[in-house]
Every structure is written in C-alpha cells, then in structure tokens.
Amino acid sequence: METVKAMLKPKPTPQQQLREWQRRLKQESRNIDRQVRDIQREEKAVQKAIKEAAKRNDMTSAKALAKEIVRSRRAVQRLYENRAQLNSISMHLGESVATARAVGHLSKSTEVMKLVNGLMKAPEVASTMQEFTKEMTKAGVIEEMVNDSVDSALDSEDIEEETEEEVDKVLSEIAGETAAQLPATTRREKMKQPAHEEMKPGEQQAVAEGVDDEQEMEEIRARLANVRS
C-alpha cells in the first residue's frame, strides 16, 4: 500500500524540493549548535577539575585535562566550519530558485557540489550528506560522485596531536596563578606501600583521594569524548 501511495504522490516541484532541502539543512545547523553547547557545558566541568588539580599540586592530571580542552575547542571550531558550509549550500540552493522557475527544472551547481563533497569528509554530518548526495544527484543538481572517493573520505580521520604550546596555553589560561606558583618539576608522586607494611590513616586517605581523583578525571574525559562524537 505504501508503495502505491508513493507512486501516486505527485512529484515535488523544483521550488518545493529546494525548500525541503533548506529546511533539513537548517535542522542540521541547529543540531550542530546543540552539540557545540553540549561540548562547552562539559568544558566548564573540565575547567573546574583543572583548577582543583592545580590546587592539590597534581599538574599531571591538570595537563591531561588541558589536552581534552584543546581537543574540544578544535571540535567546536570544526563544527562551526561545518555549519558555515551548510549555510552556504542553503544560500546557493536559494539562488537556484529563479533559474528553476525559468527552465522548469533544477540545474547543476558546481558550488553546491564542491560544498557537499567537502562535508562528506566531516564525520559529524557525513551521513546526512550521503542522503543529500543521492537526492541532489537524482534531481540533477550535482553530478554523481565516485563511490570509492566517498568511502575513503568517510573512513579518513583528521587526527592531530596536541602541541605542548597549545596545552600550556590552556593550562595557563585556566589555572594561571596556581600553576605559576608551582615549581616546574612539581608532580604528584603516587604512594606505593609494600603489601606487608600497614599504611597510616593519613596515607590511606591520600591514596583513596588519589583514586577518586583519577576516576573523576576518567569520567570527565569520557563525557567530553561522548559529546564530541
């Protein structure tokens, strides 16, 4: 029955098709904005954790968390770039309306094809762009892309190492005064006791707090990785 309904359903006009694409592009932009807010919200928790780590002289943990901040800010920058490209696609599609009215069908757009092809390499919107590619190719807006190039674009990952300069800059920005007061060689020394030697109450508490701190840091890093994905 659904197949019959689909066959009987009138084919959308070029203008209707363009409006539908623009609606979905706007929705994708809103999804990006929401993801950015989620990342920035988690970043505040990481900033607090960095300050607390610096206060207890745990610069190893503070630096590890500063790396997460660097990664998150790069992720936000990529998301903003993706949103700008989505808006550009929508703008170029809007410009196609006048041409479509004149010739009665959608015409090919090299600009749209270039933007869509670029977004195919962005993991955050790659699946959406796959759908758009099929629809726009069918409508004649872009040319069919070679499957091999699409697959390789989706499989590629933009992996960047955090530079020491970036990490130190974030660390200074968040825990500036606290970190500056500490010697450069200050690092937490994990307490290790022989199995036969009984720890004192104060030592037991220090070890317990260290374990709790590490667990909290892992939870924070996991949340950040989740909102970035």
C-alpha atoms as a PDB file:
ATOM      1  CA  MET A   1       0.000   0.000   0.000  1.00  0.00           C
ATOM      2  CA  GLU A   2       2.805   2.403   0.912  1.00  0.00           C
ATOM      3  CA  THR A   3       4.478   1.712  -2.439  1.00  0.00           C
ATOM      4  CA  VAL A   4       1.259   2.525  -4.279  1.00  0.00           C
ATOM      5  CA  LYS A   5       0.858   5.762  -2.311  1.00  0.00           C
ATOM      6  CA  ALA A   6       4.422   6.727  -3.127  1.00  0.00           C
ATOM      7  CA  MET A   7       3.785   6.117  -6.831  1.00  0.00           C
ATOM      8  CA  LEU A   8       0.581   8.168  -6.784  1.00  0.00           C
ATOM      9  CA  LYS A   9       2.136  11.000  -4.782  1.00  0.00           C
ATOM     10  CA  PRO A  10       2.796  13.961  -7.090  1.00  0.00           C
ATOM     11  CA  LYS A  11       6.422  14.738  -7.799  1.00  0.00           C
ATOM     12  CA  PRO A  12       7.551  17.864  -5.917  1.00  0.00           C
ATOM     13  CA  THR A  13       8.213  20.979  -7.961  1.00  0.00           C
ATOM     14  CA  PRO A  14      11.788  22.334  -8.042  1.00  0.00           C
ATOM     15  CA  GLN A  15      10.749  25.054  -5.602  1.00  0.00           C
ATOM     16  CA  GLN A  16       9.236  22.536  -3.187  1.00  0.00           C
ATOM     17  CA  GLN A  17      12.322  20.361  -3.397  1.00  0.00           C
ATOM     18  CA  LEU A  18      14.588  23.313  -2.684  1.00  0.00           C
ATOM     19  CA  ARG A  19      12.509  24.395   0.322  1.00  0.00           C
ATOM     20  CA  GLU A  20      12.623  20.850   1.738  1.00  0.00           C
ATOM     21  CA  TRP A  21      16.403  20.713   1.395  1.00  0.00           C
ATOM     22  CA  GLN A  22      16.764  24.110   3.018  1.00  0.00           C
ATOM     23  CA  ARG A  23      14.528  23.016   5.913  1.00  0.00           C
ATOM     24  CA  ARG A  24      16.699  19.957   6.533  1.00  0.00           C
ATOM     25  CA  LEU A  25      19.903  21.975   6.253  1.00  0.00           C
ATOM     26  CA  LYS A  26      18.566  24.383   8.877  1.00  0.00           C
ATOM     27  CA  GLN A  27      17.722  21.442  11.134  1.00  0.00           C
ATOM     28  CA  GLU A  28      21.253  20.112  10.724  1.00  0.00           C
ATOM     29  CA  SER A  29      22.626  23.536  11.671  1.00  0.00           C
ATOM     30  CA  ARG A  30      20.511  23.501  14.834  1.00  0.00           C
ATOM     31  CA  ASN A  31      21.893  20.054  15.675  1.00  0.00           C
ATOM     32  CA  ILE A  32      25.406  21.452  15.339  1.00  0.00           C
ATOM     33  CA  ASP A  33      24.551  24.372  17.638  1.00  0.00           C
ATOM     34  CA  ARG A  34      23.232  21.911  20.223  1.00  0.00           C
ATOM     35  CA  GLN A  35      26.394  19.826  20.002  1.00  0.00           C
ATOM     36  CA  VAL A  36      28.537  22.935  20.477  1.00  0.00           C
ATOM     37  CA  ARG A  37      26.543  23.866  23.596  1.00  0.00           C
ATOM     38  CA  ASP A  38      26.995  20.351  24.986  1.00  0.00           C
ATOM     39  CA  ILE A  39      30.762  20.480  24.449  1.00  0.00           C
ATOM     40  CA  GLN A  40      31.049  23.941  26.006  1.00  0.00           C
ATOM     41  CA  ARG A  41      28.966  22.864  29.000  1.00  0.00           C
ATOM     42  CA  GLU A  42      31.254  19.894  29.614  1.00  0.00           C
ATOM     43  CA  GLU A  43      34.274  22.150  29.165  1.00  0.00           C
ATOM     44  CA  LYS A  44      33.212  24.173  32.210  1.00  0.00           C
ATOM     45  CA  ALA A  45      33.339  20.999  34.314  1.00  0.00           C
ATOM     46  CA  VAL A  46      36.818  20.251  32.957  1.00  0.00           C
ATOM     47  CA  GLN A  47      37.996  23.784  33.758  1.00  0.00           C
ATOM     48  CA  LYS A  48      36.848  23.333  37.350  1.00  0.00           C
ATOM     49  CA  ALA A  49      38.648  19.980  37.546  1.00  0.00           C
ATOM     50  CA  ILE A  50      41.859  21.583  36.209  1.00  0.00           C
ATOM     51  CA  LYS A  51      41.765  24.293  38.889  1.00  0.00           C
ATOM     52  CA  GLU A  52      41.202  21.708  41.606  1.00  0.00           C
ATOM     53  CA  ALA A  53      44.053  19.534  40.293  1.00  0.00           C
ATOM     54  CA  ALA A  54      46.393  22.547  40.233  1.00  0.00           C
ATOM     55  CA  LYS A  55      45.498  23.440  43.829  1.00  0.00           C
ATOM     56  CA  ARG A  56      46.500  19.988  45.037  1.00  0.00           C
ATOM     57  CA  ASN A  57      49.757  20.147  43.013  1.00  0.00           C
ATOM     58  CA  ASP A  58      48.558  17.442  40.602  1.00  0.00           C
ATOM     59  CA  MET A  59      49.866  19.014  37.430  1.00  0.00           C
ATOM     60  CA  THR A  60      49.956  15.675  35.613  1.00  0.00           C
ATOM     61  CA  SER A  61      46.165  15.420  35.801  1.00  0.00           C
ATOM     62  CA  ALA A  62      45.749  19.127  35.093  1.00  0.00           C
ATOM     63  CA  LYS A  63      47.817  18.811  31.926  1.00  0.00           C
ATOM     64  CA  ALA A  64      45.908  15.700  30.788  1.00  0.00           C
ATOM     65  CA  LEU A  65      42.622  17.570  31.205  1.00  0.00           C
ATOM     66  CA  ALA A  66      44.050  20.604  29.404  1.00  0.00           C
ATOM     67  CA  LYS A  67      44.650  18.298  26.406  1.00  0.00           C
ATOM     68  CA  GLU A  68      40.936  17.447  26.466  1.00  0.00           C
ATOM     69  CA  ILE A  69      40.129  21.175  26.390  1.00  0.00           C
ATOM     70  CA  VAL A  70      42.369  21.596  23.320  1.00  0.00           C
ATOM     71  CA  ARG A  71      40.631  18.705  21.544  1.00  0.00           C
ATOM     72  CA  SER A  72      37.183  20.041  22.430  1.00  0.00           C
ATOM     73  CA  ARG A  73      37.944  23.524  21.157  1.00  0.00           C
ATOM     74  CA  ARG A  74      39.204  22.067  17.894  1.00  0.00           C
ATOM     75  CA  ALA A  75      35.996  20.051  17.651  1.00  0.00           C
ATOM     76  CA  VAL A  76      33.924  23.206  18.196  1.00  0.00           C
ATOM     77  CA  GLN A  77      35.903  25.020  15.500  1.00  0.00           C
ATOM     78  CA  ARG A  78      35.240  22.182  13.040  1.00  0.00           C
ATOM     79  CA  LEU A  79      31.538  22.248  13.910  1.00  0.00           C
ATOM     80  CA  TYR A  80      31.358  25.995  13.246  1.00  0.00           C
ATOM     81  CA  GLU A  81      33.060  25.440   9.875  1.00  0.00           C
ATOM     82  CA  ASN A  82      30.556  22.683   9.050  1.00  0.00           C
ATOM     83  CA  ARG A  83      27.656  24.965   9.933  1.00  0.00           C
ATOM     84  CA  ALA A  84      29.040  27.738   7.721  1.00  0.00           C
ATOM     85  CA  GLN A  85      29.250  25.301   4.807  1.00  0.00           C
ATOM     86  CA  LEU A  86      25.684  24.108   5.421  1.00  0.00           C
ATOM     87  CA  ASN A  87      24.517  27.720   5.319  1.00  0.00           C
ATOM     88  CA  SER A  88      26.437  28.246   2.065  1.00  0.00           C
ATOM     89  CA  ILE A  89      24.720  25.229   0.491  1.00  0.00           C
ATOM     90  CA  SER A  90      21.340  26.605   1.535  1.00  0.00           C
ATOM     91  CA  MET A  91      22.194  30.024   0.080  1.00  0.00           C
ATOM     92  CA  HIS A  92      23.302  28.566  -3.269  1.00  0.00           C
ATOM     93  CA  LEU A  93      20.174  26.420  -3.431  1.00  0.00           C
ATOM     94  CA  GLY A  94      18.073  29.523  -2.831  1.00  0.00           C
ATOM     95  CA  GLU A  95      19.784  31.241  -5.739  1.00  0.00           C
ATOM     96  CA  SER A  96      18.772  28.294  -7.936  1.00  0.00           C
ATOM     97  CA  VAL A  97      15.060  29.040  -7.489  1.00  0.00           C
ATOM     98  CA  ALA A  98      15.000  31.781 -10.145  1.00  0.00           C
ATOM     99  CA  THR A  99      16.765  29.547 -12.647  1.00  0.00           C
ATOM    100  CA  ALA A 100      14.433  26.657 -11.855  1.00  0.00           C
ATOM    101  CA  ARG A 101      11.403  28.875 -12.489  1.00  0.00           C
ATOM    102  CA  ALA A 102      12.776  29.847 -15.889  1.00  0.00           C
ATOM    103  CA  VAL A 103      13.816  26.406 -17.165  1.00  0.00           C
ATOM    104  CA  GLY A 104      11.371  24.263 -15.201  1.00  0.00           C
ATOM    105  CA  HIS A 105      13.979  22.062 -13.570  1.00  0.00           C
ATOM    106  CA  LEU A 106      16.937  22.274 -11.212  1.00  0.00           C
ATOM    107  CA  SER A 107      20.283  22.989 -12.816  1.00  0.00           C
ATOM    108  CA  LYS A 108      23.708  21.695 -11.865  1.00  0.00           C
ATOM    109  CA  SER A 109      25.667  23.765  -9.353  1.00  0.00           C
ATOM    110  CA  THR A 110      29.437  23.334  -9.126  1.00  0.00           C
ATOM    111  CA  GLU A 111      29.474  25.357  -5.892  1.00  0.00           C
ATOM    112  CA  VAL A 112      26.912  23.095  -4.205  1.00  0.00           C
ATOM    113  CA  MET A 113      28.781  20.019  -5.403  1.00  0.00           C
ATOM    114  CA  LYS A 114      32.059  21.374  -4.015  1.00  0.00           C
ATOM    115  CA  LEU A 115      30.490  22.153  -0.609  1.00  0.00           C
ATOM    116  CA  VAL A 116      28.671  18.816  -0.353  1.00  0.00           C
ATOM    117  CA  ASN A 117      31.851  16.969  -1.313  1.00  0.00           C
ATOM    118  CA  GLY A 118      33.772  18.844   1.384  1.00  0.00           C
ATOM    119  CA  LEU A 119      31.216  17.996   4.064  1.00  0.00           C
ATOM    120  CA  MET A 120      31.382  14.318   3.117  1.00  0.00           C
ATOM    121  CA  LYS A 121      34.743  14.323   4.912  1.00  0.00           C
ATOM    122  CA  ALA A 122      33.227  15.678   8.146  1.00  0.00           C
ATOM    123  CA  PRO A 123      32.205  12.795  10.432  1.00  0.00           C
ATOM    124  CA  GLU A 124      29.600  14.965  12.190  1.00  0.00           C
ATOM    125  CA  VAL A 125      27.474  15.446   9.049  1.00  0.00           C
ATOM    126  CA  ALA A 126      28.771  12.747   6.688  1.00  0.00           C
ATOM    127  CA  SER A 127      25.669  10.520   6.910  1.00  0.00           C
ATOM    128  CA  THR A 128      23.358  13.461   6.227  1.00  0.00           C
ATOM    129  CA  MET A 129      25.475  14.498   3.255  1.00  0.00           C
ATOM    130  CA  GLN A 130      25.245  10.980   1.860  1.00  0.00           C
ATOM    131  CA  GLU A 131      21.458  11.320   1.711  1.00  0.00           C
ATOM    132  CA  PHE A 132      21.691  14.782   0.158  1.00  0.00           C
ATOM    133  CA  THR A 133      24.156  13.487  -2.431  1.00  0.00           C
ATOM    134  CA  LYS A 134      21.732  10.815  -3.597  1.00  0.00           C
ATOM    135  CA  GLU A 135      18.769  13.215  -3.767  1.00  0.00           C
ATOM    136  CA  MET A 136      20.661  16.055  -5.432  1.00  0.00           C
ATOM    137  CA  THR A 137      22.262  13.704  -7.954  1.00  0.00           C
ATOM    138  CA  LYS A 138      18.834  12.334  -8.832  1.00  0.00           C
ATOM    139  CA  ALA A 139      17.476  15.880  -9.165  1.00  0.00           C
ATOM    140  CA  GLY A 140      20.382  16.886 -11.394  1.00  0.00           C
ATOM    141  CA  VAL A 141      21.851  19.491  -9.035  1.00  0.00           C
ATOM    142  CA  ILE A 142      25.193  17.719  -8.700  1.00  0.00           C
ATOM    143  CA  GLU A 143      26.989  15.035 -10.665  1.00  0.00           C
ATOM    144  CA  GLU A 144      27.307  11.513  -9.372  1.00  0.00           C
ATOM    145  CA  MET A 145      30.352  11.068  -7.213  1.00  0.00           C
ATOM    146  CA  VAL A 146      32.670   8.086  -7.439  1.00  0.00           C
ATOM    147  CA  ASN A 147      31.821   5.694  -4.597  1.00  0.00           C
ATOM    148  CA  ASP A 148      35.468   4.942  -3.848  1.00  0.00           C
ATOM    149  CA  SER A 149      36.241   8.587  -3.175  1.00  0.00           C
ATOM    150  CA  VAL A 150      33.199   8.916  -0.920  1.00  0.00           C
ATOM    151  CA  ASP A 151      34.114   5.835   1.084  1.00  0.00           C
ATOM    152  CA  SER A 152      37.703   6.939   1.549  1.00  0.00           C
ATOM    153  CA  ALA A 153      36.508  10.367   2.661  1.00  0.00           C
ATOM    154  CA  LEU A 154      34.262   8.812   5.300  1.00  0.00           C
ATOM    155  CA  ASP A 155      36.967   6.455   6.527  1.00  0.00           C
ATOM    156  CA  SER A 156      39.601   9.150   6.886  1.00  0.00           C
ATOM    157  CA  GLU A 157      40.019  10.749  10.306  1.00  0.00           C
ATOM    158  CA  ASP A 158      41.582  14.091  10.980  1.00  0.00           C
ATOM    159  CA  ILE A 159      43.892  13.125  13.854  1.00  0.00           C
ATOM    160  CA  GLU A 160      46.005  15.925  15.261  1.00  0.00           C
ATOM    161  CA  GLU A 161      48.448  15.806  18.112  1.00  0.00           C
ATOM    162  CA  GLU A 162      48.025  18.417  20.781  1.00  0.00           C
ATOM    163  CA  THR A 163      51.096  20.637  20.793  1.00  0.00           C
ATOM    164  CA  GLU A 164      52.752  21.393  24.103  1.00  0.00           C
ATOM    165  CA  GLU A 165      52.330  25.095  23.376  1.00  0.00           C
ATOM    166  CA  GLU A 166      48.547  24.748  22.996  1.00  0.00           C
ATOM    167  CA  VAL A 167      48.216  22.667  26.148  1.00  0.00           C
ATOM    168  CA  ASP A 168      50.392  25.013  28.211  1.00  0.00           C
ATOM    169  CA  LYS A 169      48.409  27.996  26.943  1.00  0.00           C
ATOM    170  CA  VAL A 170      45.117  26.413  28.066  1.00  0.00           C
ATOM    171  CA  LEU A 171      46.668  25.406  31.384  1.00  0.00           C
ATOM    172  CA  SER A 172      47.918  28.940  31.960  1.00  0.00           C
ATOM    173  CA  GLU A 173      44.544  30.397  30.942  1.00  0.00           C
ATOM    174  CA  ILE A 174      42.549  28.241  33.382  1.00  0.00           C
ATOM    175  CA  ALA A 175      44.925  27.661  36.287  1.00  0.00           C
ATOM    176  CA  GLY A 176      47.306  30.534  35.620  1.00  0.00           C
ATOM    177  CA  GLU A 177      48.121  31.857  39.080  1.00  0.00           C
ATOM    178  CA  THR A 178      48.009  28.484  40.783  1.00  0.00           C
ATOM    179  CA  ALA A 179      50.158  26.788  38.156  1.00  0.00           C
ATOM    180  CA  ALA A 180      52.637  29.675  38.031  1.00  0.00           C
ATOM    181  CA  GLN A 181      53.307  29.403  41.767  1.00  0.00           C
ATOM    182  CA  LEU A 182      54.385  25.772  41.448  1.00  0.00           C
ATOM    183  CA  PRO A 183      57.926  24.646  40.561  1.00  0.00           C
ATOM    184  CA  ALA A 184      58.258  23.274  37.050  1.00  0.00           C
ATOM    185  CA  THR A 185      59.270  19.889  38.450  1.00  0.00           C
ATOM    186  CA  THR A 186      56.229  19.543  40.707  1.00  0.00           C
ATOM    187  CA  ARG A 187      54.419  16.298  40.011  1.00  0.00           C
ATOM    188  CA  ARG A 188      52.252  14.067  42.093  1.00  0.00           C
ATOM    189  CA  GLU A 189      54.100  11.051  43.472  1.00  0.00           C
ATOM    190  CA  LYS A 190      51.725   8.141  43.863  1.00  0.00           C
ATOM    191  CA  MET A 191      52.165   6.491  47.175  1.00  0.00           C
ATOM    192  CA  LYS A 192      53.269   2.879  46.985  1.00  0.00           C
ATOM    193  CA  GLN A 193      53.479   0.719  50.070  1.00  0.00           C
ATOM    194  CA  PRO A 194      54.704  -2.888  50.377  1.00  0.00           C
ATOM    195  CA  ALA A 195      51.914  -5.386  50.883  1.00  0.00           C
ATOM    196  CA  HIS A 196      53.219  -6.332  54.328  1.00  0.00           C
ATOM    197  CA  GLU A 197      53.501  -2.729  55.557  1.00  0.00           C
ATOM    198  CA  GLU A 198      50.435  -1.202  57.108  1.00  0.00           C
ATOM    199  CA  MET A 199      49.553   2.308  55.988  1.00  0.00           C
ATOM    200  CA  LYS A 200      48.867   5.064  58.411  1.00  0.00           C
ATOM    201  CA  PRO A 201      45.338   6.602  58.400  1.00  0.00           C
ATOM    202  CA  GLY A 202      46.574   9.756  56.667  1.00  0.00           C
ATOM    203  CA  GLU A 203      48.323   7.745  53.975  1.00  0.00           C
ATOM    204  CA  GLN A 204      45.247   5.624  53.393  1.00  0.00           C
ATOM    205  CA  GLN A 205      43.160   8.762  52.928  1.00  0.00           C
ATOM    206  CA  ALA A 206      45.684  10.222  50.471  1.00  0.00           C
ATOM    207  CA  VAL A 207      45.674   7.076  48.362  1.00  0.00           C
ATOM    208  CA  ALA A 208      41.862   6.918  48.431  1.00  0.00           C
ATOM    209  CA  GLU A 209      41.610  10.555  47.333  1.00  0.00           C
ATOM    210  CA  GLY A 210      44.088   9.889  44.522  1.00  0.00           C
ATOM    211  CA  VAL A 211      41.977   7.005  43.237  1.00  0.00           C
ATOM    212  CA  ASP A 212      38.823   9.116  43.430  1.00  0.00           C
ATOM    213  CA  ASP A 213      40.526  11.942  41.521  1.00  0.00           C
ATOM    214  CA  GLU A 214      41.629   9.571  38.753  1.00  0.00           C
ATOM    215  CA  GLN A 215      38.151   8.058  38.480  1.00  0.00           C
ATOM    216  CA  GLU A 216      36.589  11.523  38.284  1.00  0.00           C
ATOM    217  CA  MET A 217      39.053  12.570  35.580  1.00  0.00           C
ATOM    218  CA  GLU A 218      38.273   9.458  33.524  1.00  0.00           C
ATOM    219  CA  GLU A 219      34.529  10.157  33.829  1.00  0.00           C
ATOM    220  CA  ILE A 220      35.023  13.750  32.684  1.00  0.00           C
ATOM    221  CA  ARG A 221      37.169  12.676  29.735  1.00  0.00           C
ATOM    222  CA  ALA A 222      34.597  10.048  28.759  1.00  0.00           C
ATOM    223  CA  ARG A 223      31.781  12.634  28.810  1.00  0.00           C
ATOM    224  CA  LEU A 224      33.813  15.016  26.664  1.00  0.00           C
ATOM    225  CA  ALA A 225      34.621  12.285  24.161  1.00  0.00           C
ATOM    226  CA  ASN A 226      30.923  11.406  24.018  1.00  0.00           C
ATOM    227  CA  VAL A 227      29.704  14.934  23.239  1.00  0.00           C
ATOM    228  CA  ARG A 228      32.476  15.385  20.652  1.00  0.00           C
ATOM    229  CA  SER A 229      31.450  12.244  18.777  1.00  0.00           C
END
